[in-house]
C-alpha atoms as a PDB file:
ATOM      1  CA  UNK A   1      18.670  -8.163 -46.435  1.00  0.00           C
ATOM      2  CA  UNK A   2      18.896  -9.333 -42.859  1.00  0.00           C
ATOM      3  CA  UNK A   3      17.416 -13.350 -42.748  1.00  0.00           C
ATOM      4  CA  UNK A   4      15.898 -12.596 -39.372  1.00  0.00           C
ATOM      5  CA  UNK A   5      12.300 -11.698 -41.115  1.00  0.00           C
ATOM      6  CA  UNK A   6      12.211 -14.369 -42.737  1.00  0.00           C
ATOM      7  CA  UNK A   7      13.462 -16.709 -40.456  1.00  0.00           C
ATOM      8  CA  UNK A   8      10.389 -15.621 -37.783  1.00  0.00           C
ATOM      9  CA  UNK A   9       7.989 -15.741 -40.665  1.00  0.00           C
ATOM     10  CA  UNK A  10       8.359 -19.656 -41.073  1.00  0.00           C
ATOM     11  CA  UNK A  11       8.600 -20.459 -38.043  1.00  0.00           C
ATOM     12  CA  UNK A  12       5.501 -18.685 -36.614  1.00  0.00           C
ATOM     13  CA  UNK A  13       4.028 -20.673 -39.791  1.00  0.00           C
ATOM     14  CA  UNK A  14       5.466 -24.092 -38.369  1.00  0.00           C
ATOM     15  CA  UNK A  15       4.307 -23.633 -34.834  1.00  0.00           C
ATOM     16  CA  UNK A  16       0.788 -22.387 -35.354  1.00  0.00           C
ATOM     17  CA  UNK A  17      -2.368 -22.942 -37.235  1.00  0.00           C
ATOM     18  CA  UNK A  18      -5.754 -20.563 -37.327  1.00  0.00           C
ATOM     19  CA  UNK A  19      -9.104 -20.147 -38.577  1.00  0.00           C
ATOM     20  CA  UNK A  20     -11.536 -17.496 -38.874  1.00  0.00           C
ATOM     21  CA  UNK A  21     -13.797 -16.546 -36.721  1.00  0.00           C
ATOM     22  CA  UNK A  22     -17.414 -17.449 -37.240  1.00  0.00           C
ATOM     23  CA  UNK A  23     -19.638 -15.025 -38.871  1.00  0.00           C
ATOM     24  CA  UNK A  24     -21.660 -14.953 -35.617  1.00  0.00           C
ATOM     25  CA  UNK A  25     -18.434 -14.014 -33.155  1.00  0.00           C
ATOM     26  CA  UNK A  26     -18.751 -10.762 -32.240  1.00  0.00           C
ATOM     27  CA  UNK A  27     -16.362  -8.344 -33.277  1.00  0.00           C
ATOM     28  CA  UNK A  28     -14.331  -5.707 -31.773  1.00  0.00           C
ATOM     29  CA  UNK A  29     -13.411  -2.456 -33.489  1.00  0.00           C
ATOM     30  CA  UNK A  30      -9.645  -0.662 -33.211  1.00  0.00           C
ATOM     31  CA  UNK A  31      -7.204   0.568 -35.256  1.00  0.00           C
ATOM     32  CA  UNK A  32      -4.041   0.331 -36.430  1.00  0.00           C
ATOM     33  CA  UNK A  33      -1.532   2.100 -34.561  1.00  0.00           C
ATOM     34  CA  UNK A  34       1.733   1.588 -36.580  1.00  0.00           C
ATOM     35  CA  UNK A  35       2.935   3.410 -39.638  1.00  0.00           C
ATOM     36  CA  UNK A  36       2.714  -0.018 -42.186  1.00  0.00           C
ATOM     37  CA  UNK A  37       1.263  -3.690 -40.116  1.00  0.00           C
ATOM     38  CA  UNK A  38       1.712  -6.234 -42.998  1.00  0.00           C
ATOM     39  CA  UNK A  39      -1.708  -8.085 -43.152  1.00  0.00           C
ATOM     40  CA  UNK A  40      -1.145 -11.662 -43.958  1.00  0.00           C
ATOM     41  CA  UNK A  41      -2.788 -14.916 -44.896  1.00  0.00           C
ATOM     42  CA  UNK A  42      -1.820 -16.759 -41.966  1.00  0.00           C
ATOM     43  CA  UNK A  43      -0.356 -15.591 -38.582  1.00  0.00           C
ATOM     44  CA  UNK A  44       3.844 -15.203 -39.519  1.00  0.00           C
ATOM     45  CA  UNK A  45       3.516 -16.023 -42.818  1.00  0.00           C
ATOM     46  CA  UNK A  46       2.632 -14.956 -46.419  1.00  0.00           C
ATOM     47  CA  UNK A  47       1.630 -10.961 -46.435  1.00  0.00           C
ATOM     48  CA  UNK A  48      -1.082  -9.686 -48.468  1.00  0.00           C
ATOM     49  CA  UNK A  49      -1.197  -6.089 -48.090  1.00  0.00           C
ATOM     50  CA  UNK A  50       0.113  -3.489 -45.796  1.00  0.00           C
ATOM     51  CA  UNK A  51      -2.215  -1.572 -43.310  1.00  0.00           C
ATOM     52  CA  UNK A  52      -1.355   1.664 -42.427  1.00  0.00           C
ATOM     53  CA  UNK A  53      -1.831   3.818 -39.036  1.00  0.00           C
ATOM     54  CA  UNK A  54      -5.338   5.095 -38.718  1.00  0.00           C
ATOM     55  CA  UNK A  55      -7.163   2.309 -40.543  1.00  0.00           C
ATOM     56  CA  UNK A  56      -9.857   1.294 -38.842  1.00  0.00           C
ATOM     57  CA  UNK A  57     -10.667  -2.299 -38.431  1.00  0.00           C
ATOM     58  CA  UNK A  58     -12.528  -5.603 -36.919  1.00  0.00           C
ATOM     59  CA  UNK A  59     -10.982  -7.924 -34.884  1.00  0.00           C
ATOM     60  CA  UNK A  60     -12.593 -10.748 -35.531  1.00  0.00           C
ATOM     61  CA  UNK A  61     -10.065 -13.525 -33.908  1.00  0.00           C
ATOM     62  CA  UNK A  62      -6.820 -13.756 -32.115  1.00  0.00           C
ATOM     63  CA  UNK A  63      -4.215 -17.041 -31.872  1.00  0.00           C
ATOM     64  CA  UNK A  64      -0.951 -16.152 -30.121  1.00  0.00           C
ATOM     65  CA  UNK A  65       0.276 -12.967 -30.596  1.00  0.00           C
ATOM     66  CA  UNK A  66      -1.770 -12.662 -34.177  1.00  0.00           C
ATOM     67  CA  UNK A  67      -4.909 -10.942 -34.811  1.00  0.00           C
ATOM     68  CA  UNK A  68      -7.296 -11.904 -37.690  1.00  0.00           C
ATOM     69  CA  UNK A  69      -8.685  -8.371 -38.737  1.00  0.00           C
ATOM     70  CA  UNK A  70     -10.794  -6.951 -41.479  1.00  0.00           C
ATOM     71  CA  UNK A  71     -10.041  -3.258 -42.725  1.00  0.00           C
ATOM     72  CA  UNK A  72     -13.625  -1.305 -42.199  1.00  0.00           C
ATOM     73  CA  UNK A  73     -12.183   2.355 -43.411  1.00  0.00           C
ATOM     74  CA  UNK A  74      -8.873   3.482 -44.799  1.00  0.00           C
ATOM     75  CA  UNK A  75      -7.817   5.109 -47.472  1.00  0.00           C
ATOM     76  CA  UNK A  76      -5.304   3.371 -49.602  1.00  0.00           C
ATOM     77  CA  UNK A  77      -5.669   0.854 -51.864  1.00  0.00           C
ATOM     78  CA  UNK A  78      -5.176  -3.046 -50.254  1.00  0.00           C
ATOM     79  CA  UNK A  79      -5.834  -6.225 -52.481  1.00  0.00           C
ATOM     80  CA  UNK A  80      -7.708  -7.083 -49.176  1.00  0.00           C
ATOM     81  CA  UNK A  81      -9.182  -6.064 -45.850  1.00  0.00           C
ATOM     82  CA  UNK A  82      -9.064  -9.032 -44.251  1.00  0.00           C
ATOM     83  CA  UNK A  83      -5.656 -11.145 -42.357  1.00  0.00           C
ATOM     84  CA  UNK A  84      -3.664 -11.251 -39.401  1.00  0.00           C
ATOM     85  CA  UNK A  85      -1.764  -8.968 -38.016  1.00  0.00           C
ATOM     86  CA  UNK A  86       1.035  -8.615 -34.876  1.00  0.00           C
ATOM     87  CA  UNK A  87      -1.134  -7.710 -32.195  1.00  0.00           C
ATOM     88  CA  UNK A  88       1.605  -4.863 -31.598  1.00  0.00           C
ATOM     89  CA  UNK A  89       0.161  -3.295 -34.625  1.00  0.00           C
ATOM     90  CA  UNK A  90      -2.904  -2.112 -32.912  1.00  0.00           C
ATOM     91  CA  UNK A  91      -3.874   0.681 -31.000  1.00  0.00           C
ATOM     92  CA  UNK A  92      -6.093  -0.957 -28.040  1.00  0.00           C
ATOM     93  CA  UNK A  93      -5.545  -4.575 -29.209  1.00  0.00           C
ATOM     94  CA  UNK A  94      -1.925  -4.082 -27.736  1.00  0.00           C
ATOM     95  CA  UNK A  95      -2.529  -3.150 -24.716  1.00  0.00           C
ATOM     96  CA  UNK A  96      -3.874  -5.354 -21.261  1.00  0.00           C
ATOM     97  CA  UNK A  97      -7.104  -6.388 -21.563  1.00  0.00           C
ATOM     98  CA  UNK A  98      -7.764  -4.952 -25.168  1.00  0.00           C
ATOM     99  CA  UNK A  99      -8.842  -8.178 -26.985  1.00  0.00           C
ATOM    100  CA  UNK A 100     -11.543  -8.915 -24.315  1.00  0.00           C
ATOM    101  CA  UNK A 101     -14.466  -9.922 -26.568  1.00  0.00           C
ATOM    102  CA  UNK A 102     -12.800 -10.950 -29.535  1.00  0.00           C
ATOM    103  CA  UNK A 103     -12.880 -15.091 -29.891  1.00  0.00           C
ATOM    104  CA  UNK A 104      -9.827 -17.102 -29.638  1.00  0.00           C
ATOM    105  CA  UNK A 105      -9.714 -19.668 -32.672  1.00  0.00           C
ATOM    106  CA  UNK A 106      -6.943 -21.887 -33.407  1.00  0.00           C
ATOM    107  CA  UNK A 107      -7.875 -24.338 -36.292  1.00  0.00           C
ATOM    108  CA  UNK A 108      -7.312 -24.583 -40.127  1.00  0.00           C
ATOM    109  CA  UNK A 109      -6.999 -21.616 -41.769  1.00  0.00           C
ATOM    110  CA  UNK A 110      -3.255 -22.640 -43.924  1.00  0.00           C
ATOM    111  CA  UNK A 111      -4.958 -23.281 -47.694  1.00  0.00           C
ATOM    112  CA  UNK A 112      -6.029 -18.991 -47.931  1.00  0.00           C
ATOM    113  CA  UNK A 113      -2.505 -18.838 -49.929  1.00  0.00           C
ATOM    114  CA  UNK A 114      -4.223 -20.720 -52.331  1.00  0.00           C
ATOM    115  CA  UNK A 115      -6.197 -17.585 -53.375  1.00  0.00           C
ATOM    116  CA  UNK A 116      -3.469 -15.784 -53.921  1.00  0.00           C
ATOM    117  CA  UNK A 117      -0.350 -17.089 -54.957  1.00  0.00           C
ATOM    118  CA  UNK A 118       0.593 -18.517 -58.043  1.00  0.00           C
ATOM    119  CA  UNK A 119       4.405 -19.268 -57.263  1.00  0.00           C
ATOM    120  CA  UNK A 120       6.687 -18.781 -54.741  1.00  0.00           C
ATOM    121  CA  UNK A 121      10.766 -18.303 -54.371  1.00  0.00           C
ATOM    122  CA  UNK A 122      10.795 -22.055 -52.515  1.00  0.00           C
ATOM    123  CA  UNK A 123       7.759 -24.430 -51.144  1.00  0.00           C
ATOM    124  CA  UNK A 124       6.927 -24.066 -47.779  1.00  0.00           C
ATOM    125  CA  UNK A 125       8.953 -26.402 -44.807  1.00  0.00           C
ATOM    126  CA  UNK A 126      11.782 -26.738 -47.571  1.00  0.00           C
ATOM    127  CA  UNK A 127      15.400 -27.041 -47.564  1.00  0.00           C
ATOM    128  CA  UNK A 128      18.048 -26.623 -50.570  1.00  0.00           C
ATOM    129  CA  UNK A 129      21.361 -28.433 -50.953  1.00  0.00           C
ATOM    130  CA  UNK A 130      24.191 -26.227 -50.664  1.00  0.00           C
ATOM    131  CA  UNK A 131      27.960 -26.247 -50.089  1.00  0.00           C
ATOM    132  CA  UNK A 132      29.762 -23.823 -47.594  1.00  0.00           C
ATOM    133  CA  UNK A 133      32.859 -23.826 -45.852  1.00  0.00           C
ATOM    134  CA  UNK A 134      33.275 -27.148 -47.551  1.00  0.00           C
ATOM    135  CA  UNK A 135      30.352 -28.471 -46.165  1.00  0.00           C
ATOM    136  CA  UNK A 136      27.672 -29.886 -48.576  1.00  0.00           C
ATOM    137  CA  UNK A 137      24.223 -30.756 -46.906  1.00  0.00           C
ATOM    138  CA  UNK A 138      20.628 -29.804 -46.682  1.00  0.00           C
ATOM    139  CA  UNK A 139      19.829 -26.206 -45.221  1.00  0.00           C
ATOM    140  CA  UNK A 140      16.658 -24.592 -44.367  1.00  0.00           C
ATOM    141  CA  UNK A 141      15.046 -22.009 -46.381  1.00  0.00           C
ATOM    142  CA  UNK A 142      14.092 -19.057 -43.926  1.00  0.00           C
ATOM    143  CA  UNK A 143      15.003 -15.923 -46.339  1.00  0.00           C
ATOM    144  CA  UNK A 144      14.184 -14.643 -49.606  1.00  0.00           C
ATOM    145  CA  UNK A 145      15.377 -15.263 -53.048  1.00  0.00           C
ATOM    146  CA  UNK A 146      18.185 -12.315 -53.789  1.00  0.00           C
ATOM    147  CA  UNK A 147      17.003 -10.337 -57.157  1.00  0.00           C
ATOM    148  CA  UNK A 148      17.237  -7.432 -59.177  1.00  0.00           C
ATOM    149  CA  UNK A 149      14.468  -5.075 -60.206  1.00  0.00           C
ATOM    150  CA  UNK A 150      14.629  -3.570 -63.323  1.00  0.00           C
ATOM    151  CA  UNK A 151      14.900   0.132 -64.091  1.00  0.00           C
ATOM    152  CA  UNK A 152      12.301   2.820 -63.738  1.00  0.00           C
ATOM    153  CA  UNK A 153       9.684   4.478 -61.716  1.00  0.00           C
ATOM    154  CA  UNK A 154       7.111   1.722 -62.774  1.00  0.00           C
ATOM    155  CA  UNK A 155       9.522  -0.994 -60.565  1.00  0.00           C
ATOM    156  CA  UNK A 156       9.436   1.196 -57.622  1.00  0.00           C
ATOM    157  CA  UNK A 157       8.280  -0.937 -54.853  1.00  0.00           C
ATOM    158  CA  UNK A 158       4.529  -0.060 -53.492  1.00  0.00           C
ATOM    159  CA  UNK A 159       3.263  -0.859 -50.258  1.00  0.00           C
ATOM    160  CA  UNK A 160      -0.138  -2.300 -51.850  1.00  0.00           C
ATOM    161  CA  UNK A 161      -1.698  -3.566 -55.077  1.00  0.00           C
ATOM    162  CA  UNK A 162      -5.348  -4.061 -56.109  1.00  0.00           C
ATOM    163  CA  UNK A 163      -6.829  -6.821 -58.286  1.00  0.00           C
ATOM    164  CA  UNK A 164      -9.280  -6.234 -60.810  1.00  0.00           C
ATOM    165  CA  UNK A 165     -12.122  -8.413 -62.146  1.00  0.00           C
ATOM    166  CA  UNK A 166     -11.601  -8.234 -65.701  1.00  0.00           C
ATOM    167  CA  UNK A 167      -7.798  -7.813 -65.902  1.00  0.00           C
ATOM    168  CA  UNK A 168      -4.304  -8.267 -64.261  1.00  0.00           C
ATOM    169  CA  UNK A 169      -3.514  -7.178 -60.399  1.00  0.00           C
ATOM    170  CA  UNK A 170      -1.893  -3.795 -60.834  1.00  0.00           C
ATOM    171  CA  UNK A 171       0.372  -2.199 -58.113  1.00  0.00           C
ATOM    172  CA  UNK A 172      -0.595   1.102 -56.519  1.00  0.00           C
ATOM    173  CA  UNK A 173       1.590   3.910 -57.397  1.00  0.00           C
ATOM    174  CA  UNK A 174       0.421   5.970 -54.837  1.00  0.00           C
ATOM    175  CA  UNK A 175       1.943   4.032 -52.132  1.00  0.00           C
ATOM    176  CA  UNK A 176       5.376   4.072 -53.840  1.00  0.00           C
ATOM    177  CA  UNK A 177       8.202   3.691 -50.758  1.00  0.00           C
ATOM    178  CA  UNK A 178      12.199   4.770 -51.336  1.00  0.00           C
ATOM    179  CA  UNK A 179      13.620   1.500 -50.332  1.00  0.00           C
ATOM    180  CA  UNK A 180      17.646  -0.142 -50.451  1.00  0.00           C
ATOM    181  CA  UNK A 181      17.003  -1.594 -54.300  1.00  0.00           C
ATOM    182  CA  UNK A 182      20.552  -3.336 -53.875  1.00  0.00           C
ATOM    183  CA  UNK A 183      18.967  -5.472 -51.435  1.00  0.00           C
ATOM    184  CA  UNK A 184      15.649  -6.458 -52.880  1.00  0.00           C
ATOM    185  CA  UNK A 185      14.550 -10.532 -52.157  1.00  0.00           C
ATOM    186  CA  UNK A 186      11.564 -12.176 -53.891  1.00  0.00           C
ATOM    187  CA  UNK A 187       8.890 -14.387 -52.133  1.00  0.00           C
ATOM    188  CA  UNK A 188       5.978 -14.823 -54.386  1.00  0.00           C
ATOM    189  CA  UNK A 189       3.767 -13.901 -57.730  1.00  0.00           C
ATOM    190  CA  UNK A 190       0.326 -13.492 -57.120  1.00  0.00           C
ATOM    191  CA  UNK A 191      -1.959 -16.076 -58.879  1.00  0.00           C
ATOM    192  CA  UNK A 192      -2.430 -13.943 -62.449  1.00  0.00           C
ATOM    193  CA  UNK A 193       1.335 -13.640 -62.443  1.00  0.00           C
ATOM    194  CA  UNK A 194       1.151 -10.078 -62.501  1.00  0.00           C
ATOM    195  CA  UNK A 195       2.389  -8.735 -59.390  1.00  0.00           C
ATOM    196  CA  UNK A 196       5.165  -9.769 -57.033  1.00  0.00           C
ATOM    197  CA  UNK A 197       5.453  -9.928 -53.429  1.00  0.00           C
ATOM    198  CA  UNK A 198       9.448  -8.704 -52.382  1.00  0.00           C
ATOM    199  CA  UNK A 199      11.549  -7.410 -49.412  1.00  0.00           C
ATOM    200  CA  UNK A 200      13.977  -4.474 -49.283  1.00  0.00           C
ATOM    201  CA  UNK A 201      15.511  -2.226 -46.494  1.00  0.00           C
ATOM    202  CA  UNK A 202      14.550   0.808 -46.247  1.00  0.00           C
ATOM    203  CA  UNK A 203      16.930   3.973 -47.749  1.00  0.00           C
ATOM    204  CA  UNK A 204      19.601   4.792 -44.938  1.00  0.00           C
ATOM    205  CA  UNK A 205      19.749   1.580 -43.848  1.00  0.00           C
ATOM    206  CA  UNK A 206      17.542  -0.348 -41.708  1.00  0.00           C
ATOM    207  CA  UNK A 207      17.581  -3.909 -39.636  1.00  0.00           C
ATOM    208  CA  UNK A 208      14.590  -5.466 -41.161  1.00  0.00           C
ATOM    209  CA  UNK A 209      13.189  -5.512 -44.608  1.00  0.00           C
ATOM    210  CA  UNK A 210       9.566  -3.901 -45.992  1.00  0.00           C
ATOM    211  CA  UNK A 211       7.197  -5.845 -47.748  1.00  0.00           C
ATOM    212  CA  UNK A 212       5.926  -4.474 -50.944  1.00  0.00           C
ATOM    213  CA  UNK A 213       5.131  -5.072 -54.240  1.00  0.00           C
ATOM    214  CA  UNK A 214       6.097  -4.346 -57.773  1.00  0.00           C
ATOM    215  CA  UNK A 215       5.013  -5.709 -61.424  1.00  0.00           C
ATOM    216  CA  UNK A 216       6.419  -8.875 -61.609  1.00  0.00           C
ATOM    217  CA  UNK A 217       7.913  -8.064 -65.234  1.00  0.00           C
ATOM    218  CA  UNK A 218      10.374  -5.862 -62.739  1.00  0.00           C
ATOM    219  CA  UNK A 219      11.697  -8.868 -60.935  1.00  0.00           C
ATOM    220  CA  UNK A 220      15.178 -10.453 -62.672  1.00  0.00           C
ATOM    221  CA  UNK A 221      17.551 -13.332 -61.312  1.00  0.00           C
ATOM    222  CA  UNK A 222      20.599 -12.129 -59.847  1.00  0.00           C
ATOM    223  CA  UNK A 223      23.535 -14.441 -59.491  1.00  0.00           C
ATOM    224  CA  UNK A 224      21.190 -17.538 -60.236  1.00  0.00           C
ATOM    225  CA  UNK A 225      19.492 -18.833 -63.427  1.00  0.00           C
ATOM    226  CA  UNK A 226      15.912 -18.195 -62.059  1.00  0.00           C
ATOM    227  CA  UNK A 227      14.180 -15.510 -59.560  1.00  0.00           C
ATOM    228  CA  UNK A 228      13.700 -18.719 -57.630  1.00  0.00           C
ATOM    229  CA  UNK A 229      15.632 -21.152 -55.443  1.00  0.00           C
ATOM    230  CA  UNK A 230      17.247 -23.412 -58.784  1.00  0.00           C
ATOM    231  CA  UNK A 231      19.732 -25.739 -56.955  1.00  0.00           C
ATOM    232  CA  UNK A 232      18.398 -28.785 -55.323  1.00  0.00           C
ATOM    233  CA  UNK A 233      14.946 -28.377 -53.139  1.00  0.00           C
ATOM    234  CA  UNK A 234      12.922 -30.300 -51.278  1.00  0.00           C
ATOM    235  CA  UNK A 235       9.894 -30.189 -49.002  1.00  0.00           C
ATOM    236  CA  UNK A 236       9.783 -31.884 -45.776  1.00  0.00           C
ATOM    237  CA  UNK A 237       6.423 -33.278 -43.792  1.00  0.00           C
ATOM    238  CA  UNK A 238       8.202 -32.940 -40.827  1.00  0.00           C
ATOM    239  CA  UNK A 239      10.391 -29.873 -40.096  1.00  0.00           C
ATOM    240  CA  UNK A 240      10.143 -29.505 -36.439  1.00  0.00           C
ATOM    241  CA  UNK A 241      13.916 -28.946 -34.760  1.00  0.00           C
ATOM    242  CA  UNK A 242      15.950 -28.594 -37.892  1.00  0.00           C
ATOM    243  CA  UNK A 243      18.048 -25.521 -37.219  1.00  0.00           C
ATOM    244  CA  UNK A 244      18.793 -22.395 -39.795  1.00  0.00           C
ATOM    245  CA  UNK A 245      22.846 -22.639 -41.201  1.00  0.00           C
ATOM    246  CA  UNK A 246      23.299 -26.332 -40.174  1.00  0.00           C
ATOM    247  CA  UNK A 247      23.773 -28.760 -42.945  1.00  0.00           C
ATOM    248  CA  UNK A 248      21.965 -32.106 -43.134  1.00  0.00           C
ATOM    249  CA  UNK A 249      22.288 -35.351 -44.406  1.00  0.00           C
ATOM    250  CA  UNK A 250      20.497 -36.992 -47.178  1.00  0.00           C
ATOM    251  CA  UNK A 251      19.164 -39.775 -44.376  1.00  0.00           C
ATOM    252  CA  UNK A 252      18.038 -36.733 -42.427  1.00  0.00           C
ATOM    253  CA  UNK A 253      16.015 -35.320 -44.662  1.00  0.00           C
ATOM    254  CA  UNK A 254      14.777 -38.900 -46.211  1.00  0.00           C
ATOM    255  CA  UNK A 255      13.325 -39.640 -42.462  1.00  0.00           C
ATOM    256  CA  UNK A 256      11.149 -36.577 -42.250  1.00  0.00           C
ATOM    257  CA  UNK A 257       8.849 -37.248 -44.905  1.00  0.00           C
ATOM    258  CA  UNK A 258      10.913 -35.867 -47.827  1.00  0.00           C
ATOM    259  CA  UNK A 259       9.626 -34.967 -51.685  1.00  0.00           C
ATOM    260  CA  UNK A 260      10.994 -32.863 -54.240  1.00  0.00           C
ATOM    261  CA  UNK A 261       9.922 -29.365 -54.884  1.00  0.00           C
ATOM    262  CA  UNK A 262       7.296 -29.153 -57.432  1.00  0.00           C
ATOM    263  CA  UNK A 263       7.438 -25.926 -59.680  1.00  0.00           C
ATOM    264  CA  UNK A 264       4.154 -24.336 -59.812  1.00  0.00           C
ATOM    265  CA  UNK A 265       1.873 -25.509 -63.063  1.00  0.00           C
ATOM    266  CA  UNK A 266       0.612 -21.858 -63.536  1.00  0.00           C
ATOM    267  CA  UNK A 267       3.539 -19.644 -63.020  1.00  0.00           C
ATOM    268  CA  UNK A 268       7.047 -21.880 -63.784  1.00  0.00           C
ATOM    269  CA  UNK A 269       8.693 -18.780 -64.500  1.00  0.00           C
ATOM    270  CA  UNK A 270       8.607 -17.857 -60.929  1.00  0.00           C
ATOM    271  CA  UNK A 271       8.958 -20.871 -58.716  1.00  0.00           C
ATOM    272  CA  UNK A 272       7.332 -23.668 -56.991  1.00  0.00           C
ATOM    273  CA  UNK A 273       3.741 -24.464 -55.685  1.00  0.00           C
ATOM    274  CA  UNK A 274       4.011 -23.675 -52.054  1.00  0.00           C
ATOM    275  CA  UNK A 275       2.291 -26.797 -50.446  1.00  0.00           C
ATOM    276  CA  UNK A 276       1.192 -29.584 -53.206  1.00  0.00           C
ATOM    277  CA  UNK A 277      -1.374 -32.222 -51.859  1.00  0.00           C
ATOM    278  CA  UNK A 278       0.826 -35.151 -51.330  1.00  0.00           C
ATOM    279  CA  UNK A 279      -0.794 -37.213 -54.029  1.00  0.00           C
ATOM    280  CA  UNK A 280       1.101 -34.441 -56.222  1.00  0.00           C
ATOM    281  CA  UNK A 281       4.776 -34.126 -54.438  1.00  0.00           C
ATOM    282  CA  UNK A 282       7.012 -35.756 -56.688  1.00  0.00           C
ATOM    283  CA  UNK A 283       9.790 -38.229 -55.109  1.00  0.00           C
ATOM    284  CA  UNK A 284      12.197 -37.437 -52.814  1.00  0.00           C
ATOM    285  CA  UNK A 285      15.285 -36.773 -54.985  1.00  0.00           C
ATOM    286  CA  UNK A 286      17.759 -38.642 -52.328  1.00  0.00           C
END
């Protein structure tokens, strides 16, 4: 799977912070125009659900190219009707003046992941220590962990899942999608550990991966011991200016506010706690 999607996602997360519009803000109605619109917890970051063409939405805020929506009418299951989509996914909102009346809200909406994510393949703002072309150093993580999906119809990716009040999260069998299962990458598991977010290219070849959901029991390591990055991993306070594909020294890492990656306290088999509070971050390993 091409890594560009991950790079854009993390770059966007590093560049902008947002907050939901106040309840008193006027909402503008619109529809989803694209065949699939990733609904994210924060602009450019973690996918929570997928919207579909024709879904009716309220626009409650915008920040840059991202618009916060509330889906008000849809014929399909979604884990949440609330999140951020690209402006280009909207019918009227994508046009000049299409966001008239929608308040601009940029602030602090970055902790919403805590309601959804139990473990992630790598912490936010993280690097791993690897050797490439004879050079060992710390390289930015801007892509998913390659994994294998177990065989069986139940492991076919679906565009959405649903949360169940008195039971585990459930992948929606009505929204399964044909993808190239030789290109699967893992991102996170949900809070209760039952569903995993993965990405794979469409069958027949496509530049970008499709974000979709599978039962977490389907996700298996590929070429490594775990489904997450199990080489040395660090999380940085300041990642600005660090390029992808470049090996950085221990000294550079230490100067950026370094801590070790913290394995999830609730779902350790599926990776790290995305963004621990500073007091809970382990010491930098270098």
